[in-house]
């Protein structure tokens, strides 16, 4: 195959939401609206870049990209294959939505449904790659390093490059959601030298799928058991990515867990405060902020006060909203 050009995307908007700041009793709240990306979410930055580079490195005849996904990463990998004239197979857990599967098919992706969780889909995709069925484009790995996972996080780092020219002042706190931790790690390493004191990176996860929290406590990836069921579908992951976790530990990131009600309420709060129309996955950072803001002990532990300037990432657009 001839080398394919890597896609270039215009910056997404950064919103200043004073009503959210008032509710949280902080100075300012900025929200980066990643729902305005092509494909409607931030994963296009990592999945497309990594997929295109993987195809260029492989240089094989009639290539197929394969990956596991809850929906968004698979959509980006399918788009990468389509961009390069290749084919793709995306391994989805049976809990993934039919609507997300349909979007993957619209990009030419074949769906392989896997009984179980996202982690079961990860294992199935890896096994297929080992059997020579395609080129694996993962967004997570249990290894200390993986060049494709590194490319995924490198793609996410574009968000930081945009933020450095968009933010009117340096944030003191970043509340960022995590599935396997790749986005949180990209923000932690990309913004840590720019942030103002006290400079807290707070990783927000659903209580039912807190693999990054467990990994931060243990100092290594820890497999979470159970069905990982949460309304924040894109965060339903049971094992943190090892390279992402290493970065988060190095950057002294903090962990915060939120319940299902908080996740659902955060979607409504963003809408009511003229923020992006997103999902519980996309609004999880806000759920973390509001949970911390309403708890005196957490406010103190996170140095969250009336002078704090908070950055959130709305990671995906709610495609069912008008």
C-alpha atoms as a PDB file:
ATOM      1  CA  UNK A   1       0.000   0.000   0.000  1.00  0.00           C
ATOM      2  CA  UNK A   2       1.074   3.554  -0.599  1.00  0.00           C
ATOM      3  CA  UNK A   3       1.552   5.575   2.539  1.00  0.00           C
ATOM      4  CA  UNK A   4      -1.715   7.313   3.443  1.00  0.00           C
ATOM      5  CA  UNK A   5      -1.828  10.926   4.607  1.00  0.00           C
ATOM      6  CA  UNK A   6      -2.630  11.365   8.274  1.00  0.00           C
ATOM      7  CA  UNK A   7      -5.892  13.273   8.823  1.00  0.00           C
ATOM      8  CA  UNK A   8      -5.860  16.859  10.015  1.00  0.00           C
ATOM      9  CA  UNK A   9      -8.747  18.090  12.146  1.00  0.00           C
ATOM     10  CA  UNK A  10      -9.773  21.642  13.047  1.00  0.00           C
ATOM     11  CA  UNK A  11      -9.760  22.505  16.773  1.00  0.00           C
ATOM     12  CA  UNK A  12     -12.882  21.802  18.795  1.00  0.00           C
ATOM     13  CA  UNK A  13     -14.462  24.618  20.830  1.00  0.00           C
ATOM     14  CA  UNK A  14     -13.526  25.452  24.405  1.00  0.00           C
ATOM     15  CA  UNK A  15     -16.568  26.714  26.320  1.00  0.00           C
ATOM     16  CA  UNK A  16     -16.535  28.915  29.414  1.00  0.00           C
ATOM     17  CA  UNK A  17     -19.558  27.944  31.540  1.00  0.00           C
ATOM     18  CA  UNK A  18     -20.104  30.451  34.379  1.00  0.00           C
ATOM     19  CA  UNK A  19     -23.317  28.773  35.570  1.00  0.00           C
ATOM     20  CA  UNK A  20     -21.484  25.484  36.120  1.00  0.00           C
ATOM     21  CA  UNK A  21     -18.777  27.404  37.990  1.00  0.00           C
ATOM     22  CA  UNK A  22     -21.453  28.976  40.192  1.00  0.00           C
ATOM     23  CA  UNK A  23     -22.987  25.589  41.005  1.00  0.00           C
ATOM     24  CA  UNK A  24     -19.569  24.096  41.795  1.00  0.00           C
ATOM     25  CA  UNK A  25     -18.509  27.216  43.771  1.00  0.00           C
ATOM     26  CA  UNK A  26     -15.293  27.663  41.796  1.00  0.00           C
ATOM     27  CA  UNK A  27     -13.904  30.588  39.807  1.00  0.00           C
ATOM     28  CA  UNK A  28     -14.237  29.167  36.290  1.00  0.00           C
ATOM     29  CA  UNK A  29     -15.190  25.973  34.478  1.00  0.00           C
ATOM     30  CA  UNK A  30     -13.951  25.320  30.945  1.00  0.00           C
ATOM     31  CA  UNK A  31     -15.370  22.497  28.838  1.00  0.00           C
ATOM     32  CA  UNK A  32     -13.649  21.207  25.703  1.00  0.00           C
ATOM     33  CA  UNK A  33     -16.388  20.006  23.360  1.00  0.00           C
ATOM     34  CA  UNK A  34     -14.976  16.896  21.700  1.00  0.00           C
ATOM     35  CA  UNK A  35     -18.398  16.044  20.345  1.00  0.00           C
ATOM     36  CA  UNK A  36     -17.606  18.454  17.522  1.00  0.00           C
ATOM     37  CA  UNK A  37     -14.899  16.141  16.148  1.00  0.00           C
ATOM     38  CA  UNK A  38     -15.560  14.159  12.979  1.00  0.00           C
ATOM     39  CA  UNK A  39     -17.369  10.962  14.081  1.00  0.00           C
ATOM     40  CA  UNK A  40     -18.666  12.857  17.117  1.00  0.00           C
ATOM     41  CA  UNK A  41     -16.008  12.008  19.716  1.00  0.00           C
ATOM     42  CA  UNK A  42     -12.342  12.377  20.663  1.00  0.00           C
ATOM     43  CA  UNK A  43     -11.438   8.791  19.727  1.00  0.00           C
ATOM     44  CA  UNK A  44     -11.051   9.814  16.088  1.00  0.00           C
ATOM     45  CA  UNK A  45      -7.786  11.504  17.082  1.00  0.00           C
ATOM     46  CA  UNK A  46      -6.186   8.317  18.388  1.00  0.00           C
ATOM     47  CA  UNK A  47      -7.863   5.492  16.502  1.00  0.00           C
ATOM     48  CA  UNK A  48      -7.423   6.997  13.060  1.00  0.00           C
ATOM     49  CA  UNK A  49      -3.804   8.011  13.619  1.00  0.00           C
ATOM     50  CA  UNK A  50      -2.861   4.634  15.076  1.00  0.00           C
ATOM     51  CA  UNK A  51      -4.772   2.704  12.435  1.00  0.00           C
ATOM     52  CA  UNK A  52      -3.200   4.566   9.531  1.00  0.00           C
ATOM     53  CA  UNK A  53       0.298   4.187  10.976  1.00  0.00           C
ATOM     54  CA  UNK A  54      -0.270   0.488  11.662  1.00  0.00           C
ATOM     55  CA  UNK A  55      -1.235  -0.059   8.028  1.00  0.00           C
ATOM     56  CA  UNK A  56       1.806   1.854   6.815  1.00  0.00           C
ATOM     57  CA  UNK A  57       4.136  -0.221   9.003  1.00  0.00           C
ATOM     58  CA  UNK A  58       2.554  -3.534   8.035  1.00  0.00           C
ATOM     59  CA  UNK A  59       2.656  -2.956   4.264  1.00  0.00           C
ATOM     60  CA  UNK A  60       0.659  -6.136   3.523  1.00  0.00           C
ATOM     61  CA  UNK A  61      -1.680  -7.065   0.666  1.00  0.00           C
ATOM     62  CA  UNK A  62      -5.429  -6.738   1.340  1.00  0.00           C
ATOM     63  CA  UNK A  63      -4.958  -5.725   4.996  1.00  0.00           C
ATOM     64  CA  UNK A  64      -7.612  -5.846   7.693  1.00  0.00           C
ATOM     65  CA  UNK A  65      -7.584  -3.747  10.857  1.00  0.00           C
ATOM     66  CA  UNK A  66      -9.122  -5.311  13.942  1.00  0.00           C
ATOM     67  CA  UNK A  67      -9.779  -3.986  17.418  1.00  0.00           C
ATOM     68  CA  UNK A  68     -11.978  -4.289  20.474  1.00  0.00           C
ATOM     69  CA  UNK A  69     -14.284  -1.461  21.391  1.00  0.00           C
ATOM     70  CA  UNK A  70     -17.402  -0.363  23.238  1.00  0.00           C
ATOM     71  CA  UNK A  71     -18.139   1.745  20.168  1.00  0.00           C
ATOM     72  CA  UNK A  72     -16.013   4.845  19.681  1.00  0.00           C
ATOM     73  CA  UNK A  73     -12.513   3.424  19.260  1.00  0.00           C
ATOM     74  CA  UNK A  74     -13.890   0.854  16.853  1.00  0.00           C
ATOM     75  CA  UNK A  75     -15.595   3.593  14.865  1.00  0.00           C
ATOM     76  CA  UNK A  76     -12.278   5.440  14.534  1.00  0.00           C
ATOM     77  CA  UNK A  77     -10.388   2.289  13.500  1.00  0.00           C
ATOM     78  CA  UNK A  78     -13.055   1.462  10.907  1.00  0.00           C
ATOM     79  CA  UNK A  79     -12.720   5.014   9.573  1.00  0.00           C
ATOM     80  CA  UNK A  80      -8.926   4.590   9.391  1.00  0.00           C
ATOM     81  CA  UNK A  81      -9.316   1.415   7.341  1.00  0.00           C
ATOM     82  CA  UNK A  82     -11.820   3.114   5.031  1.00  0.00           C
ATOM     83  CA  UNK A  83      -9.480   6.107   4.660  1.00  0.00           C
ATOM     84  CA  UNK A  84      -6.701   3.764   3.501  1.00  0.00           C
ATOM     85  CA  UNK A  85      -8.824   1.501   1.298  1.00  0.00           C
ATOM     86  CA  UNK A  86      -8.559  -1.387   3.751  1.00  0.00           C
ATOM     87  CA  UNK A  87     -11.187  -3.438   5.609  1.00  0.00           C
ATOM     88  CA  UNK A  88     -11.884  -3.749   9.324  1.00  0.00           C
ATOM     89  CA  UNK A  89     -13.440  -6.038  11.885  1.00  0.00           C
ATOM     90  CA  UNK A  90     -14.512  -4.576  15.214  1.00  0.00           C
ATOM     91  CA  UNK A  91     -15.038  -6.800  18.261  1.00  0.00           C
ATOM     92  CA  UNK A  92     -17.912  -5.485  20.385  1.00  0.00           C
ATOM     93  CA  UNK A  93     -19.221  -6.888  23.675  1.00  0.00           C
ATOM     94  CA  UNK A  94     -22.871  -7.875  23.516  1.00  0.00           C
ATOM     95  CA  UNK A  95     -23.727  -4.969  25.807  1.00  0.00           C
ATOM     96  CA  UNK A  96     -22.662  -2.402  23.205  1.00  0.00           C
ATOM     97  CA  UNK A  97     -25.541  -0.507  21.640  1.00  0.00           C
ATOM     98  CA  UNK A  98     -27.021  -1.395  18.270  1.00  0.00           C
ATOM     99  CA  UNK A  99     -26.778   2.287  17.305  1.00  0.00           C
ATOM    100  CA  UNK A 100     -23.018   2.340  17.875  1.00  0.00           C
ATOM    101  CA  UNK A 101     -22.634  -0.872  15.890  1.00  0.00           C
ATOM    102  CA  UNK A 102     -24.607   0.672  13.028  1.00  0.00           C
ATOM    103  CA  UNK A 103     -22.257   3.646  12.953  1.00  0.00           C
ATOM    104  CA  UNK A 104     -19.266   1.315  12.696  1.00  0.00           C
ATOM    105  CA  UNK A 105     -20.924  -0.500   9.790  1.00  0.00           C
ATOM    106  CA  UNK A 106     -21.502   2.855   8.100  1.00  0.00           C
ATOM    107  CA  UNK A 107     -17.703   3.244   8.028  1.00  0.00           C
ATOM    108  CA  UNK A 108     -17.325  -0.181   6.423  1.00  0.00           C
ATOM    109  CA  UNK A 109     -16.563  -2.097   9.606  1.00  0.00           C
ATOM    110  CA  UNK A 110     -17.618  -5.708  10.104  1.00  0.00           C
ATOM    111  CA  UNK A 111     -18.952  -6.419  13.602  1.00  0.00           C
ATOM    112  CA  UNK A 112     -17.898  -9.459  15.626  1.00  0.00           C
ATOM    113  CA  UNK A 113     -20.166  -9.716  18.681  1.00  0.00           C
ATOM    114  CA  UNK A 114     -18.463 -11.137  21.781  1.00  0.00           C
ATOM    115  CA  UNK A 115     -20.385 -12.518  24.750  1.00  0.00           C
ATOM    116  CA  UNK A 116     -19.194 -10.784  27.906  1.00  0.00           C
ATOM    117  CA  UNK A 117     -17.529  -7.478  28.729  1.00  0.00           C
ATOM    118  CA  UNK A 118     -15.277  -5.069  26.887  1.00  0.00           C
ATOM    119  CA  UNK A 119     -12.328  -6.981  28.359  1.00  0.00           C
ATOM    120  CA  UNK A 120     -13.609 -10.190  26.777  1.00  0.00           C
ATOM    121  CA  UNK A 121     -13.734  -8.354  23.441  1.00  0.00           C
ATOM    122  CA  UNK A 122     -10.131  -7.184  23.983  1.00  0.00           C
ATOM    123  CA  UNK A 123      -9.045 -10.790  24.488  1.00  0.00           C
ATOM    124  CA  UNK A 124     -10.972 -11.984  21.424  1.00  0.00           C
ATOM    125  CA  UNK A 125      -9.470  -9.317  19.170  1.00  0.00           C
ATOM    126  CA  UNK A 126      -5.957 -10.098  20.419  1.00  0.00           C
ATOM    127  CA  UNK A 127      -6.486 -13.811  19.799  1.00  0.00           C
ATOM    128  CA  UNK A 128      -7.716 -13.121  16.264  1.00  0.00           C
ATOM    129  CA  UNK A 129      -4.633 -11.009  15.551  1.00  0.00           C
ATOM    130  CA  UNK A 130      -2.351 -13.770  16.854  1.00  0.00           C
ATOM    131  CA  UNK A 131      -4.054 -16.151  14.417  1.00  0.00           C
ATOM    132  CA  UNK A 132      -3.223 -13.830  11.533  1.00  0.00           C
ATOM    133  CA  UNK A 133      -6.747 -12.549  10.945  1.00  0.00           C
ATOM    134  CA  UNK A 134      -5.725  -8.898  10.876  1.00  0.00           C
ATOM    135  CA  UNK A 135      -3.608  -6.067  12.263  1.00  0.00           C
ATOM    136  CA  UNK A 136      -4.530  -5.297  15.860  1.00  0.00           C
ATOM    137  CA  UNK A 137      -5.107  -1.618  16.705  1.00  0.00           C
ATOM    138  CA  UNK A 138      -5.664  -1.610  20.468  1.00  0.00           C
ATOM    139  CA  UNK A 139      -6.174   1.408  22.698  1.00  0.00           C
ATOM    140  CA  UNK A 140      -5.004  -0.564  25.717  1.00  0.00           C
ATOM    141  CA  UNK A 141      -2.246  -3.013  26.593  1.00  0.00           C
ATOM    142  CA  UNK A 142      -1.016  -4.938  29.605  1.00  0.00           C
ATOM    143  CA  UNK A 143       2.554  -4.480  28.354  1.00  0.00           C
ATOM    144  CA  UNK A 144       4.798  -1.664  29.558  1.00  0.00           C
ATOM    145  CA  UNK A 145       4.805  -0.214  26.041  1.00  0.00           C
ATOM    146  CA  UNK A 146       3.102  -0.832  22.712  1.00  0.00           C
ATOM    147  CA  UNK A 147       3.816   1.322  19.635  1.00  0.00           C
ATOM    148  CA  UNK A 148       0.189   1.319  18.495  1.00  0.00           C
ATOM    149  CA  UNK A 149      -1.182   2.218  21.934  1.00  0.00           C
ATOM    150  CA  UNK A 150       1.497   4.926  22.089  1.00  0.00           C
ATOM    151  CA  UNK A 151       0.179   6.284  18.763  1.00  0.00           C
ATOM    152  CA  UNK A 152      -3.363   6.298  20.156  1.00  0.00           C
ATOM    153  CA  UNK A 153      -2.310   8.407  23.142  1.00  0.00           C
ATOM    154  CA  UNK A 154      -0.188  10.610  20.889  1.00  0.00           C
ATOM    155  CA  UNK A 155      -3.334  11.341  18.896  1.00  0.00           C
ATOM    156  CA  UNK A 156      -5.228  12.261  22.056  1.00  0.00           C
ATOM    157  CA  UNK A 157      -2.418  14.669  22.847  1.00  0.00           C
ATOM    158  CA  UNK A 158      -3.699  16.933  20.080  1.00  0.00           C
ATOM    159  CA  UNK A 159      -6.353  18.044  22.561  1.00  0.00           C
ATOM    160  CA  UNK A 160      -3.582  19.468  24.761  1.00  0.00           C
ATOM    161  CA  UNK A 161      -1.956  21.320  21.853  1.00  0.00           C
ATOM    162  CA  UNK A 162      -5.289  22.972  21.116  1.00  0.00           C
ATOM    163  CA  UNK A 163      -5.944  23.786  24.758  1.00  0.00           C
ATOM    164  CA  UNK A 164      -2.623  25.564  25.184  1.00  0.00           C
ATOM    165  CA  UNK A 165      -3.722  28.160  22.630  1.00  0.00           C
ATOM    166  CA  UNK A 166      -7.382  28.258  23.745  1.00  0.00           C
ATOM    167  CA  UNK A 167      -7.301  28.485  27.542  1.00  0.00           C
ATOM    168  CA  UNK A 168      -7.427  32.120  28.724  1.00  0.00           C
ATOM    169  CA  UNK A 169      -5.730  31.092  31.972  1.00  0.00           C
ATOM    170  CA  UNK A 170      -4.118  27.962  33.328  1.00  0.00           C
ATOM    171  CA  UNK A 171      -6.423  25.498  35.090  1.00  0.00           C
ATOM    172  CA  UNK A 172      -5.770  24.405  38.649  1.00  0.00           C
ATOM    173  CA  UNK A 173      -7.822  21.210  38.275  1.00  0.00           C
ATOM    174  CA  UNK A 174      -8.573  18.782  35.465  1.00  0.00           C
ATOM    175  CA  UNK A 175     -11.442  16.358  36.068  1.00  0.00           C
ATOM    176  CA  UNK A 176     -11.127  13.764  33.301  1.00  0.00           C
ATOM    177  CA  UNK A 177     -13.042  10.533  32.784  1.00  0.00           C
ATOM    178  CA  UNK A 178     -11.318   7.221  32.238  1.00  0.00           C
ATOM    179  CA  UNK A 179     -12.090   3.912  30.618  1.00  0.00           C
ATOM    180  CA  UNK A 180      -8.628   2.337  30.315  1.00  0.00           C
ATOM    181  CA  UNK A 181      -6.933   5.682  31.077  1.00  0.00           C
ATOM    182  CA  UNK A 182      -5.485   6.762  27.722  1.00  0.00           C
ATOM    183  CA  UNK A 183      -7.160  10.168  27.532  1.00  0.00           C
ATOM    184  CA  UNK A 184      -6.438  10.935  31.181  1.00  0.00           C
ATOM    185  CA  UNK A 185      -2.775  10.051  30.678  1.00  0.00           C
ATOM    186  CA  UNK A 186      -2.505  12.198  27.549  1.00  0.00           C
ATOM    187  CA  UNK A 187      -3.945  15.187  29.414  1.00  0.00           C
ATOM    188  CA  UNK A 188      -1.813  14.581  32.494  1.00  0.00           C
ATOM    189  CA  UNK A 189       1.467  14.532  30.609  1.00  0.00           C
ATOM    190  CA  UNK A 190       0.419  17.237  28.145  1.00  0.00           C
ATOM    191  CA  UNK A 191      -0.838  19.793  30.687  1.00  0.00           C
ATOM    192  CA  UNK A 192       1.128  19.169  33.879  1.00  0.00           C
ATOM    193  CA  UNK A 193       3.773  21.830  33.139  1.00  0.00           C
ATOM    194  CA  UNK A 194       1.116  24.375  32.134  1.00  0.00           C
ATOM    195  CA  UNK A 195      -1.297  24.022  35.055  1.00  0.00           C
ATOM    196  CA  UNK A 196      -1.437  26.512  37.897  1.00  0.00           C
ATOM    197  CA  UNK A 197      -1.033  25.409  41.508  1.00  0.00           C
ATOM    198  CA  UNK A 198      -2.351  23.261  43.152  1.00  0.00           C
ATOM    199  CA  UNK A 199      -2.360  21.401  39.775  1.00  0.00           C
ATOM    200  CA  UNK A 200      -4.571  18.370  40.372  1.00  0.00           C
ATOM    201  CA  UNK A 201      -5.373  15.774  37.700  1.00  0.00           C
ATOM    202  CA  UNK A 202      -8.465  13.934  38.953  1.00  0.00           C
ATOM    203  CA  UNK A 203      -9.429  10.737  37.137  1.00  0.00           C
ATOM    204  CA  UNK A 204     -13.191  10.145  37.301  1.00  0.00           C
ATOM    205  CA  UNK A 205     -14.704   6.671  36.906  1.00  0.00           C
ATOM    206  CA  UNK A 206     -18.042   4.938  37.481  1.00  0.00           C
ATOM    207  CA  UNK A 207     -18.148   2.978  40.723  1.00  0.00           C
ATOM    208  CA  UNK A 208     -18.915  -0.179  38.730  1.00  0.00           C
ATOM    209  CA  UNK A 209     -15.837   0.083  36.494  1.00  0.00           C
ATOM    210  CA  UNK A 210     -13.064   1.654  38.532  1.00  0.00           C
ATOM    211  CA  UNK A 211     -10.059  -0.084  36.979  1.00  0.00           C
ATOM    212  CA  UNK A 212      -7.827   3.011  36.930  1.00  0.00           C
ATOM    213  CA  UNK A 213      -8.568   3.702  40.582  1.00  0.00           C
ATOM    214  CA  UNK A 214      -7.618   0.143  41.490  1.00  0.00           C
ATOM    215  CA  UNK A 215      -4.489   0.437  39.367  1.00  0.00           C
ATOM    216  CA  UNK A 216      -3.426   3.705  40.978  1.00  0.00           C
ATOM    217  CA  UNK A 217      -3.809   2.138  44.423  1.00  0.00           C
ATOM    218  CA  UNK A 218      -1.924  -1.042  43.502  1.00  0.00           C
ATOM    219  CA  UNK A 219       0.698   0.644  41.325  1.00  0.00           C
ATOM    220  CA  UNK A 220      -0.076  -1.753  38.465  1.00  0.00           C
ATOM    221  CA  UNK A 221      -3.063  -2.785  36.320  1.00  0.00           C
ATOM    222  CA  UNK A 222      -5.630  -4.763  38.304  1.00  0.00           C
ATOM    223  CA  UNK A 223      -8.462  -6.730  36.666  1.00  0.00           C
ATOM    224  CA  UNK A 224     -11.885  -5.662  37.926  1.00  0.00           C
ATOM    225  CA  UNK A 225     -14.430  -8.449  38.184  1.00  0.00           C
ATOM    226  CA  UNK A 226     -18.169  -8.240  37.519  1.00  0.00           C
ATOM    227  CA  UNK A 227     -20.299  -7.144  34.594  1.00  0.00           C
ATOM    228  CA  UNK A 228     -18.923  -3.555  34.649  1.00  0.00           C
ATOM    229  CA  UNK A 229     -22.442  -2.314  33.883  1.00  0.00           C
ATOM    230  CA  UNK A 230     -22.796   1.472  33.899  1.00  0.00           C
ATOM    231  CA  UNK A 231     -24.762   4.137  32.053  1.00  0.00           C
ATOM    232  CA  UNK A 232     -21.358   5.548  31.071  1.00  0.00           C
ATOM    233  CA  UNK A 233     -20.953   2.849  28.417  1.00  0.00           C
ATOM    234  CA  UNK A 234     -17.642   4.130  27.038  1.00  0.00           C
ATOM    235  CA  UNK A 235     -16.063   3.827  30.497  1.00  0.00           C
ATOM    236  CA  UNK A 236     -17.077   0.193  31.065  1.00  0.00           C
ATOM    237  CA  UNK A 237     -13.555  -1.244  31.271  1.00  0.00           C
ATOM    238  CA  UNK A 238     -12.104  -3.735  33.723  1.00  0.00           C
ATOM    239  CA  UNK A 239      -8.342  -3.354  33.244  1.00  0.00           C
ATOM    240  CA  UNK A 240      -6.347  -0.142  32.958  1.00  0.00           C
ATOM    241  CA  UNK A 241      -3.809   0.250  30.158  1.00  0.00           C
ATOM    242  CA  UNK A 242      -0.325  -0.233  31.582  1.00  0.00           C
ATOM    243  CA  UNK A 243       1.398   2.672  29.748  1.00  0.00           C
ATOM    244  CA  UNK A 244      -1.431   5.054  30.651  1.00  0.00           C
ATOM    245  CA  UNK A 245      -1.350   3.976  34.283  1.00  0.00           C
ATOM    246  CA  UNK A 246       2.410   4.513  34.460  1.00  0.00           C
ATOM    247  CA  UNK A 247       1.957   8.107  33.257  1.00  0.00           C
ATOM    248  CA  UNK A 248      -0.899   8.762  35.681  1.00  0.00           C
ATOM    249  CA  UNK A 249       1.168   7.479  38.595  1.00  0.00           C
ATOM    250  CA  UNK A 250       4.168   9.549  37.527  1.00  0.00           C
ATOM    251  CA  UNK A 251       1.957  12.654  37.315  1.00  0.00           C
ATOM    252  CA  UNK A 252       0.528  11.948  40.812  1.00  0.00           C
ATOM    253  CA  UNK A 253      -3.019  11.782  39.513  1.00  0.00           C
ATOM    254  CA  UNK A 254      -5.910  11.410  41.945  1.00  0.00           C
ATOM    255  CA  UNK A 255      -8.913   9.091  41.660  1.00  0.00           C
ATOM    256  CA  UNK A 256     -12.600   9.874  42.143  1.00  0.00           C
ATOM    257  CA  UNK A 257     -15.539   7.494  41.782  1.00  0.00           C
ATOM    258  CA  UNK A 258     -19.106   8.545  40.977  1.00  0.00           C
ATOM    259  CA  UNK A 259     -22.410   6.700  41.071  1.00  0.00           C
ATOM    260  CA  UNK A 260     -24.936   6.226  38.297  1.00  0.00           C
ATOM    261  CA  UNK A 261     -27.253   8.993  39.476  1.00  0.00           C
ATOM    262  CA  UNK A 262     -24.403  11.506  39.446  1.00  0.00           C
ATOM    263  CA  UNK A 263     -23.454  10.471  35.906  1.00  0.00           C
ATOM    264  CA  UNK A 264     -27.005  10.891  34.638  1.00  0.00           C
ATOM    265  CA  UNK A 265     -27.499  14.218  36.411  1.00  0.00           C
ATOM    266  CA  UNK A 266     -24.313  15.647  34.927  1.00  0.00           C
ATOM    267  CA  UNK A 267     -25.742  15.285  31.410  1.00  0.00           C
ATOM    268  CA  UNK A 268     -28.788  17.370  32.385  1.00  0.00           C
ATOM    269  CA  UNK A 269     -26.672  19.934  34.201  1.00  0.00           C
ATOM    270  CA  UNK A 270     -24.480  20.538  31.164  1.00  0.00           C
ATOM    271  CA  UNK A 271     -27.537  20.988  28.953  1.00  0.00           C
ATOM    272  CA  UNK A 272     -29.234  23.350  31.421  1.00  0.00           C
ATOM    273  CA  UNK A 273     -26.042  25.431  31.704  1.00  0.00           C
ATOM    274  CA  UNK A 274     -25.707  25.847  27.916  1.00  0.00           C
ATOM    275  CA  UNK A 275     -22.971  23.254  27.647  1.00  0.00           C
ATOM    276  CA  UNK A 276     -22.566  20.452  25.091  1.00  0.00           C
ATOM    277  CA  UNK A 277     -25.246  17.824  24.522  1.00  0.00           C
ATOM    278  CA  UNK A 278     -23.410  14.731  25.642  1.00  0.00           C
ATOM    279  CA  UNK A 279     -23.828  11.348  27.348  1.00  0.00           C
ATOM    280  CA  UNK A 280     -23.021  10.037  30.844  1.00  0.00           C
ATOM    281  CA  UNK A 281     -19.627   9.009  29.445  1.00  0.00           C
ATOM    282  CA  UNK A 282     -19.041  12.472  28.032  1.00  0.00           C
ATOM    283  CA  UNK A 283     -20.181  14.263  31.188  1.00  0.00           C
ATOM    284  CA  UNK A 284     -18.372  12.065  33.703  1.00  0.00           C
ATOM    285  CA  UNK A 285     -15.751  14.727  34.423  1.00  0.00           C
ATOM    286  CA  UNK A 286     -18.523  17.111  35.460  1.00  0.00           C
ATOM    287  CA  UNK A 287     -20.065  14.383  37.612  1.00  0.00           C
ATOM    288  CA  UNK A 288     -16.744  14.164  39.426  1.00  0.00           C
ATOM    289  CA  UNK A 289     -16.473  17.917  39.859  1.00  0.00           C
ATOM    290  CA  UNK A 290     -20.000  18.240  41.263  1.00  0.00           C
ATOM    291  CA  UNK A 291     -19.474  15.271  43.577  1.00  0.00           C
ATOM    292  CA  UNK A 292     -16.291  16.835  44.930  1.00  0.00           C
ATOM    293  CA  UNK A 293     -17.847  20.307  45.128  1.00  0.00           C
ATOM    294  CA  UNK A 294     -20.673  19.051  47.333  1.00  0.00           C
ATOM    295  CA  UNK A 295     -18.438  17.224  49.797  1.00  0.00           C
ATOM    296  CA  UNK A 296     -16.484  19.361  52.263  1.00  0.00           C
ATOM    297  CA  UNK A 297     -13.866  16.689  52.907  1.00  0.00           C
ATOM    298  CA  UNK A 298     -13.274  16.153  49.186  1.00  0.00           C
ATOM    299  CA  UNK A 299     -13.079  19.891  48.542  1.00  0.00           C
ATOM    300  CA  UNK A 300     -10.348  20.147  51.149  1.00  0.00           C
ATOM    301  CA  UNK A 301      -8.442  17.082  49.945  1.00  0.00           C
ATOM    302  CA  UNK A 302      -8.512  18.312  46.333  1.00  0.00           C
ATOM    303  CA  UNK A 303      -7.784  21.959  47.227  1.00  0.00           C
ATOM    304  CA  UNK A 304     -10.998  22.891  45.419  1.00  0.00           C
ATOM    305  CA  UNK A 305     -12.081  26.416  46.298  1.00  0.00           C
ATOM    306  CA  UNK A 306     -13.567  29.662  45.103  1.00  0.00           C
ATOM    307  CA  UNK A 307     -10.382  30.533  43.177  1.00  0.00           C
ATOM    308  CA  UNK A 308     -10.125  27.186  41.379  1.00  0.00           C
ATOM    309  CA  UNK A 309     -10.181  27.040  37.593  1.00  0.00           C
ATOM    310  CA  UNK A 310     -11.433  23.678  36.316  1.00  0.00           C
ATOM    311  CA  UNK A 311     -11.054  21.990  32.938  1.00  0.00           C
ATOM    312  CA  UNK A 312     -13.474  19.295  31.761  1.00  0.00           C
ATOM    313  CA  UNK A 313     -13.620  17.285  28.534  1.00  0.00           C
ATOM    314  CA  UNK A 314     -17.018  16.471  27.016  1.00  0.00           C
ATOM    315  CA  UNK A 315     -15.710  13.447  25.155  1.00  0.00           C
ATOM    316  CA  UNK A 316     -18.643  12.655  22.859  1.00  0.00           C
ATOM    317  CA  UNK A 317     -21.773  14.089  21.310  1.00  0.00           C
ATOM    318  CA  UNK A 318     -25.164  12.672  22.228  1.00  0.00           C
ATOM    319  CA  UNK A 319     -26.191  11.482  18.785  1.00  0.00           C
ATOM    320  CA  UNK A 320     -29.767  10.842  19.896  1.00  0.00           C
ATOM    321  CA  UNK A 321     -30.294  14.511  20.813  1.00  0.00           C
ATOM    322  CA  UNK A 322     -31.813  16.872  18.245  1.00  0.00           C
END
